Protein backbone atom coordinates (compact mmCIF):
# COMPACT_ATOMS: atom_id res chain seq x y z
CA MET A 1 17.85 12.46 24.64
CA ARG A 2 15.60 9.94 26.40
CA ILE A 3 15.08 6.75 24.40
CA ALA A 4 12.53 4.20 25.58
CA VAL A 5 13.39 0.57 24.87
CA HIS A 6 10.32 -1.65 24.96
CA GLY A 7 11.14 -5.29 25.58
CA ALA A 8 14.36 -4.13 27.24
CA SER A 9 14.77 -7.35 29.22
CA GLY A 10 14.93 -9.58 26.12
CA PHE A 11 18.16 -10.42 24.33
CA THR A 12 17.91 -7.80 21.57
CA GLY A 13 16.44 -5.35 24.07
CA ARG A 14 19.45 -5.70 26.38
CA LEU A 15 21.86 -5.11 23.52
CA THR A 16 19.83 -2.05 22.52
CA VAL A 17 19.88 -0.60 26.03
CA ALA A 18 23.66 -1.07 26.10
CA GLU A 19 23.96 0.75 22.77
CA VAL A 20 21.77 3.61 24.00
CA VAL A 21 24.13 3.98 26.97
CA ARG A 22 27.25 3.69 24.79
CA ARG A 23 25.99 6.53 22.59
CA GLY A 24 25.52 8.78 25.63
CA PHE A 25 21.72 8.84 25.56
CA THR A 26 19.38 8.20 28.50
CA PRO A 27 17.59 4.82 28.41
CA VAL A 28 14.12 4.23 29.80
CA LEU A 29 13.49 0.50 30.15
CA VAL A 30 9.91 -0.56 29.43
CA GLY A 31 8.34 -4.00 29.76
CA ARG A 32 6.11 -6.29 31.79
CA ASP A 33 8.52 -7.66 34.41
CA GLU A 34 10.15 -5.19 36.80
CA GLU A 35 12.71 -7.68 38.11
CA ARG A 36 13.93 -8.59 34.62
CA LEU A 37 14.06 -4.92 33.63
CA ARG A 38 16.21 -4.04 36.65
CA LYS A 39 18.54 -6.92 35.85
CA ALA A 40 18.84 -5.62 32.28
CA ALA A 41 19.70 -2.15 33.58
CA VAL A 42 22.46 -3.59 35.77
CA GLU A 43 23.87 -5.58 32.81
CA ALA A 44 23.95 -2.38 30.73
CA GLY A 45 25.92 -0.61 33.46
CA VAL A 46 23.11 1.74 34.44
CA PRO A 47 21.59 0.23 37.60
CA GLY A 48 19.81 3.49 38.33
CA ALA A 49 18.12 3.71 34.94
CA GLU A 50 14.44 4.51 34.91
CA ILE A 51 12.18 1.45 34.83
CA ARG A 52 8.58 1.64 33.62
CA VAL A 53 6.34 -1.40 33.89
CA ALA A 54 3.36 -1.66 31.55
CA ALA A 55 1.46 -4.55 30.00
CA LEU A 56 0.34 -4.65 26.38
CA ASP A 57 -3.29 -5.13 27.37
CA ARG A 58 -3.31 -1.81 29.27
CA PRO A 59 -3.07 0.78 26.47
CA ALA A 60 -3.34 3.87 28.68
CA ALA A 61 -0.60 2.63 31.03
CA LEU A 62 1.59 1.69 28.06
CA ALA A 63 1.20 5.16 26.54
CA ASP A 64 2.03 6.71 29.92
CA ALA A 65 5.18 4.57 30.07
CA LEU A 66 6.40 6.18 26.84
CA ARG A 67 5.58 9.80 27.67
CA GLY A 68 8.51 12.14 28.06
CA CYS A 69 10.70 10.08 25.75
CA ALA A 70 11.73 11.33 22.33
CA VAL A 71 11.43 7.93 20.66
CA VAL A 72 10.71 4.29 21.49
CA ILE A 73 12.60 1.32 20.08
CA ASN A 74 10.43 -1.80 20.23
CA CYS A 75 12.44 -5.03 20.56
CA ALA A 76 9.70 -7.38 21.78
CA GLY A 77 8.61 -10.01 19.29
CA PRO A 78 7.01 -11.88 17.71
CA PHE A 79 5.79 -8.52 16.44
CA THR A 80 2.87 -10.12 14.62
CA LEU A 81 1.44 -10.87 18.06
CA LEU A 82 2.96 -8.14 20.23
CA GLY A 83 3.90 -5.15 18.08
CA GLU A 84 0.78 -3.16 17.29
CA PRO A 85 -0.16 -2.15 20.87
CA VAL A 86 3.23 -0.46 21.22
CA ILE A 87 2.72 1.50 18.01
CA ARG A 88 -0.69 2.68 19.21
CA ALA A 89 0.82 3.69 22.56
CA ALA A 90 3.61 5.63 20.84
CA ILE A 91 1.12 7.50 18.67
CA THR A 92 -1.06 8.28 21.69
CA ALA A 93 1.98 9.52 23.62
CA GLY A 94 3.32 11.56 20.67
CA VAL A 95 6.57 9.56 20.57
CA HIS A 96 8.46 8.46 17.45
CA TYR A 97 8.56 4.69 16.95
CA LEU A 98 11.06 2.20 15.50
CA ASP A 99 11.23 -1.57 15.81
CA THR A 100 13.54 -4.44 14.97
CA THR A 101 11.08 -6.76 13.26
CA GLY A 102 11.75 -8.83 10.16
CA GLU A 103 8.17 -10.14 9.89
CA GLN A 104 6.92 -9.36 6.38
CA HIS A 105 3.15 -9.38 6.87
CA TYR A 106 3.40 -7.37 10.08
CA ILE A 107 5.55 -4.73 8.37
CA ARG A 108 2.98 -4.42 5.61
CA ARG A 109 0.17 -3.95 8.15
CA VAL A 110 2.15 -1.25 9.93
CA LEU A 111 3.01 0.69 6.78
CA ASP A 112 -0.54 0.44 5.44
CA GLY A 113 -2.49 0.81 8.64
CA PHE A 114 -0.89 3.44 10.89
CA GLY A 115 0.06 6.24 8.51
CA GLU A 116 -2.91 8.55 9.03
CA ASP A 117 -2.87 8.23 12.81
CA ALA A 118 0.88 8.85 12.93
CA GLU A 119 0.55 11.92 10.70
CA ARG A 120 -2.18 13.38 12.88
CA ALA A 121 -0.02 12.83 15.96
CA GLY A 122 3.06 14.31 14.27
CA VAL A 123 5.17 11.20 14.83
CA THR A 124 7.18 8.95 12.55
CA VAL A 125 6.78 5.17 12.59
CA VAL A 126 9.63 3.14 11.05
CA PRO A 127 9.46 -0.66 11.28
CA THR A 128 12.24 -3.16 10.46
CA MET A 129 15.29 -1.20 11.63
CA ALA A 130 17.34 -4.37 12.00
CA ASP A 131 20.28 -5.96 10.20
CA ASP A 132 18.06 -7.35 7.43
CA GLY A 133 15.23 -4.85 6.89
CA GLY A 134 17.21 -1.62 7.33
CA PRO A 135 20.32 -2.29 5.24
CA GLY A 136 18.30 -4.40 2.78
CA ASP A 137 15.88 -1.55 2.08
CA MET A 138 18.67 1.01 1.78
CA ILE A 139 20.96 -1.02 -0.50
CA ALA A 140 17.99 -1.80 -2.77
CA HIS A 141 17.30 1.92 -3.14
CA LEU A 142 20.94 2.70 -4.00
CA THR A 143 21.20 -0.24 -6.39
CA ALA A 144 18.09 0.75 -8.33
CA ALA A 145 19.36 4.33 -8.53
CA ARG A 146 22.58 3.13 -10.21
CA LEU A 147 20.56 2.13 -13.26
CA GLY A 148 19.53 5.74 -13.82
CA VAL A 149 15.99 4.90 -14.92
CA GLU A 150 12.58 5.92 -13.63
CA SER A 151 11.46 2.34 -13.10
CA VAL A 152 13.01 -1.11 -12.98
CA ALA A 153 11.51 -4.28 -14.34
CA GLU A 154 12.56 -6.44 -11.41
CA MET A 155 14.21 -6.24 -8.01
CA LEU A 156 15.50 -9.27 -6.12
CA ILE A 157 16.29 -9.00 -2.39
CA ALA A 158 18.47 -11.78 -0.95
CA ASP A 159 19.57 -12.52 2.60
CA LEU A 160 22.70 -14.60 2.00
CA ARG A 161 23.99 -15.11 5.53
CA ALA A 162 25.03 -18.65 6.44
CA PRO A 163 23.35 -20.49 9.32
CA GLY A 164 24.66 -19.19 12.65
CA ALA A 165 23.85 -18.19 16.19
CA ALA A 166 20.16 -17.45 16.81
CA SER A 167 18.24 -16.44 19.91
CA ARG A 168 14.94 -17.93 21.04
CA GLY A 169 13.25 -14.64 20.18
CA THR A 170 14.51 -14.81 16.60
CA ALA A 171 13.34 -18.40 16.34
CA ARG A 172 9.85 -17.40 17.52
CA SER A 173 9.67 -14.54 15.02
CA MET A 174 10.91 -16.68 12.13
CA ALA A 175 8.42 -19.40 13.02
CA ALA A 176 5.72 -16.72 12.77
CA VAL A 177 7.07 -15.64 9.39
CA PHE A 178 7.10 -19.19 8.08
CA ALA A 179 3.50 -19.70 9.22
CA GLU A 180 2.34 -17.08 6.69
CA GLU A 181 2.81 -17.34 2.94
CA ALA A 182 5.61 -15.27 1.42
CA LEU A 183 4.58 -12.26 -0.65
CA GLU A 184 5.98 -10.81 -3.85
CA TYR A 185 5.14 -7.47 -5.44
CA ALA A 186 3.92 -7.50 -9.03
CA ASP A 187 1.65 -5.39 -11.22
CA GLY A 188 1.24 -2.72 -8.55
CA ASP A 189 0.20 -4.92 -5.62
CA TRP A 190 1.33 -7.69 -3.29
CA HIS A 191 0.48 -11.34 -4.02
CA HIS A 192 1.43 -14.75 -2.70
CA VAL A 193 4.52 -16.04 -4.45
CA THR A 194 3.79 -18.15 -7.52
CA GLY A 195 7.37 -18.93 -8.62
CA GLY A 196 10.04 -17.52 -10.88
CA SER A 197 12.84 -16.99 -8.34
CA PRO A 198 16.42 -18.19 -8.87
CA ALA A 199 17.51 -21.56 -7.51
CA SER A 200 21.03 -20.35 -6.67
CA LEU A 201 23.03 -17.15 -6.40
CA VAL A 202 26.67 -16.11 -6.25
CA VAL A 203 27.55 -14.85 -2.77
CA PRO A 204 29.71 -11.71 -2.92
CA GLY A 205 33.22 -12.48 -1.74
CA ALA A 206 32.77 -16.26 -2.02
CA ASP A 207 33.43 -18.84 -4.71
CA GLY A 208 30.60 -20.42 -6.63
CA GLU A 209 26.85 -20.30 -6.12
CA VAL A 210 24.73 -21.35 -3.15
CA PRO A 211 21.19 -22.76 -3.28
CA VAL A 212 18.48 -20.24 -2.35
CA SER A 213 14.78 -20.52 -1.60
CA VAL A 214 11.83 -18.13 -1.58
CA PHE A 215 11.41 -16.47 1.81
CA ALA A 216 9.32 -13.60 3.18
CA LEU A 217 11.91 -10.83 3.60
CA PRO A 218 11.03 -7.25 4.65
CA GLY A 219 12.23 -5.71 1.38
CA VAL A 220 9.28 -7.08 -0.59
CA VAL A 221 6.92 -4.77 1.30
CA THR A 222 9.31 -1.84 1.85
CA VAL A 223 11.16 -1.41 -1.46
CA PRO A 224 8.10 -0.80 -3.73
CA ARG A 225 7.26 2.27 -1.63
CA HIS A 226 10.35 4.12 -2.91
CA VAL A 227 11.50 2.18 -6.00
CA HIS A 228 9.12 1.98 -8.96
CA ALA A 229 9.42 -1.70 -9.87
CA GLY A 230 7.43 -4.14 -11.93
CA ARG A 231 8.30 -6.98 -9.57
CA VAL A 232 10.01 -7.33 -6.19
CA HIS A 233 10.72 -10.75 -4.70
CA SER A 234 13.06 -12.25 -2.11
CA VAL A 235 15.11 -15.33 -1.25
CA ILE A 236 17.43 -16.66 1.46
CA ARG A 237 19.96 -19.47 1.57
CA THR A 238 18.17 -22.82 1.36
CA GLN A 239 20.09 -24.04 4.42
CA VAL A 240 18.59 -21.24 6.47
CA ALA A 241 15.10 -21.70 4.99
CA ASP A 242 15.20 -25.38 5.94
CA LEU A 243 16.14 -24.48 9.52
CA PHE A 244 13.29 -21.97 9.81
CA SER A 245 10.79 -24.44 8.39
CA SER A 246 11.65 -26.87 11.20
CA LEU A 247 10.81 -24.40 13.99
CA THR A 248 7.83 -25.92 15.73
CA ALA A 249 6.78 -24.56 19.12
CA ASP A 250 8.53 -27.45 20.88
CA VAL A 251 11.76 -26.82 18.98
CA VAL A 252 11.67 -23.08 19.70
CA ASP A 253 11.38 -23.73 23.44
CA THR A 254 14.66 -25.68 23.38
CA ILE A 255 16.66 -22.82 21.86
CA PRO A 256 18.63 -20.74 24.40
CA GLU A 257 17.33 -17.22 24.98
CA THR A 258 20.87 -15.89 24.48
CA PRO A 259 23.04 -17.36 21.68
CA ASP A 260 26.67 -18.25 22.25
CA GLU A 261 28.52 -14.93 22.36
CA GLN A 262 31.62 -16.07 20.48
CA ALA A 263 29.54 -17.53 17.68
CA ARG A 264 27.38 -14.39 17.58
CA LEU A 265 30.32 -12.01 17.32
CA ALA A 266 31.88 -14.08 14.53
CA SER A 267 28.70 -14.51 12.46
CA ARG A 268 28.39 -12.49 9.26
CA TRP A 269 25.19 -11.05 7.80
CA LEU A 270 24.88 -10.13 4.11
CA MET A 271 22.01 -8.44 2.30
CA MET A 272 22.08 -8.26 -1.51
CA ALA A 273 19.88 -6.48 -4.05
CA GLU A 274 19.81 -7.01 -7.80
CA ALA A 275 17.89 -4.61 -10.04
CA VAL A 276 17.08 -5.28 -13.71
CA ALA A 277 16.08 -2.46 -16.04
CA HIS A 278 13.50 -2.94 -18.79
CA ASP A 279 16.31 -3.14 -21.36
CA GLY A 280 18.02 -5.95 -19.43
CA THR A 281 20.75 -3.82 -17.83
CA ARG A 282 21.56 -5.04 -14.32
CA ALA A 283 22.95 -3.55 -11.14
CA ARG A 284 23.88 -5.46 -8.02
CA GLY A 285 24.54 -4.08 -4.56
CA TRP A 286 25.31 -5.65 -1.23
CA VAL A 287 25.97 -4.73 2.38
CA THR A 288 27.62 -6.94 4.97
CA GLY A 289 29.09 -6.94 8.47
CA LEU A 290 29.64 -9.02 11.59
CA ASP A 291 27.33 -9.75 14.53
CA GLY A 292 23.83 -9.18 13.24
CA TYR A 293 22.37 -8.84 16.74
CA GLY A 294 24.85 -6.20 17.81
CA MET A 295 24.40 -4.43 14.48
CA THR A 296 20.62 -4.44 14.92
CA ALA A 297 21.09 -2.49 18.17
CA VAL A 298 23.42 -0.04 16.40
CA ILE A 299 20.98 0.44 13.50
CA ALA A 300 17.99 0.96 15.77
CA VAL A 301 19.71 3.48 18.07
CA GLU A 302 21.24 5.44 15.19
CA GLY A 303 17.83 5.51 13.54
CA ALA A 304 16.30 6.82 16.76
CA ARG A 305 18.93 9.54 16.95
CA ARG A 306 18.35 10.63 13.37
CA LEU A 307 14.58 10.72 13.78
CA VAL A 308 14.97 13.17 16.63
CA THR A 309 17.93 15.28 15.53
CA ASP A 310 17.55 15.22 11.74
CA GLY A 311 13.79 14.80 11.50
CA ALA A 312 11.59 12.92 9.05
CA ARG A 313 8.07 13.55 7.85
CA ALA A 314 5.31 12.23 10.07
CA GLY A 315 3.62 8.99 9.09
CA THR A 316 4.76 5.44 8.40
CA LEU A 317 8.04 5.20 6.50
CA THR A 318 10.43 2.49 5.39
CA PRO A 319 14.08 2.81 6.46
CA ALA A 320 15.11 4.17 3.04
CA GLN A 321 12.31 6.75 3.18
CA ALA A 322 13.07 7.88 6.72
CA PHE A 323 16.85 8.18 6.30
CA ASP A 324 19.27 9.03 3.52
CA PRO A 325 20.46 5.53 2.49
CA ALA A 326 23.99 6.52 1.46
CA ALA A 327 24.53 8.61 4.59
CA PHE A 328 23.19 5.90 6.91
CA LEU A 329 25.21 3.07 5.33
CA GLY A 330 28.20 5.40 5.25
CA TYR A 331 27.90 5.83 9.01
CA LEU A 332 27.83 2.06 9.49
CA ALA A 333 30.84 1.64 7.19
CA THR A 334 32.89 4.33 8.92
CA ASP A 335 32.13 3.50 12.54
CA HIS A 336 31.14 -0.18 12.56
CA ASP A 337 33.19 -2.05 9.93
CA VAL A 338 30.26 -2.55 7.58
CA THR A 339 31.07 -2.89 3.88
CA TYR A 340 28.66 -1.92 1.14
CA THR A 341 28.71 -1.36 -2.59
CA SER A 342 26.28 -0.87 -5.45
CA GLY A 343 27.22 -0.90 -9.11
CA SER A 344 26.55 -2.29 -12.59
CA CYS A 345 27.02 -5.96 -13.34
C-alpha cells in the first residue's frame, strides 16, 4: 500500500513517515522543499523513498503528487491556512484523505463543505485523526452508547493532559485555534460559547479536581454527527489554556520545531467524555496513553490502513463514523499501551 504523507518534513510528518515504514507500507513524501523531504526520508530509514515536490498554490501539480497513492495523510498545519488545498487535491486525484488537525473551525468547514465532492469522487475524507480528535470522538460515542438511550441531554468533552512538550507546529495551530471563538453545539446547531461549563473536573487516576476552562476541541463539531445530543461542549486544563492564550507570533517563533524527546515520550494525553441522559443518569469514559505525538502518527497510519482495507462510505466522516470505535480503541489498547473505559457513574 502506498501512503502519501503531505508535510512529511515537519515534526509530525517525520513521525508519520516512520510509522508508515514500521507498518510495512510504502511512503511517498510530499511537500514544498525537496532537500527537507530527502532528509526526512533518511531519518525514517528509507533514503530511497519516493519524493514528490508540490506547492499548495499549484493545485494540478499537488493532485499529480498524490496520484497512484491509496490515501494521503496531511500533517502540515496550521490547517486553517494550509489544509483545504490538500483536500481538493486528494479529491481530484481520487485518493482517500486523513489529517492530524485539532482546529475546531477548520474541522467544521471540512465536514460541512467537502462531502458532496468527496462522494462524487468516491473518496473518504476524515479530519482530526490525532491523539485528541480521534480518541475523543470515539470515546464520546462509546460513552453515550452506555446510557442506552436514543438521545442525551448533554455531552462534555475534556482534554485533561497536563502541560508538556510541544512542537512549534502545535503552537502555531493552537494559536490559530485561540484566535477564533470556541463553539458549542446546542438546539441543533453550533454557536459561540455563552457559558455553563464546569470550573473543575476530577482527572481519572488522580486525586482531587483540576481547574478547567472552555476551549475549542474537535469533539464539539464531530460528536453531534453521530450522537444525538441536546448540547455538546468542551474544556481543557486551565494551565494549558493559559499557555495557549499566550502564544503570540513572536512567542511561537521561539519554540523549537522538535520538542525534547525524553519529555515527549514521558508525556501523557487523556481525553474524557461525560454524557448525561435526560433523566439525569450519567456515563463517563476516558482514553489515555503516552507520547501524544507518536500516538498521532499511529492513529493516522492505522486509520489510513483501515480506510483502504476495510473501507468506509465516501464523503466526509468523523473518526467515529469512519471506523468502529471499540475496534479502533481496542487496537490501540492491545498494541500501543493505551487504556480506555466507558461506564456509568
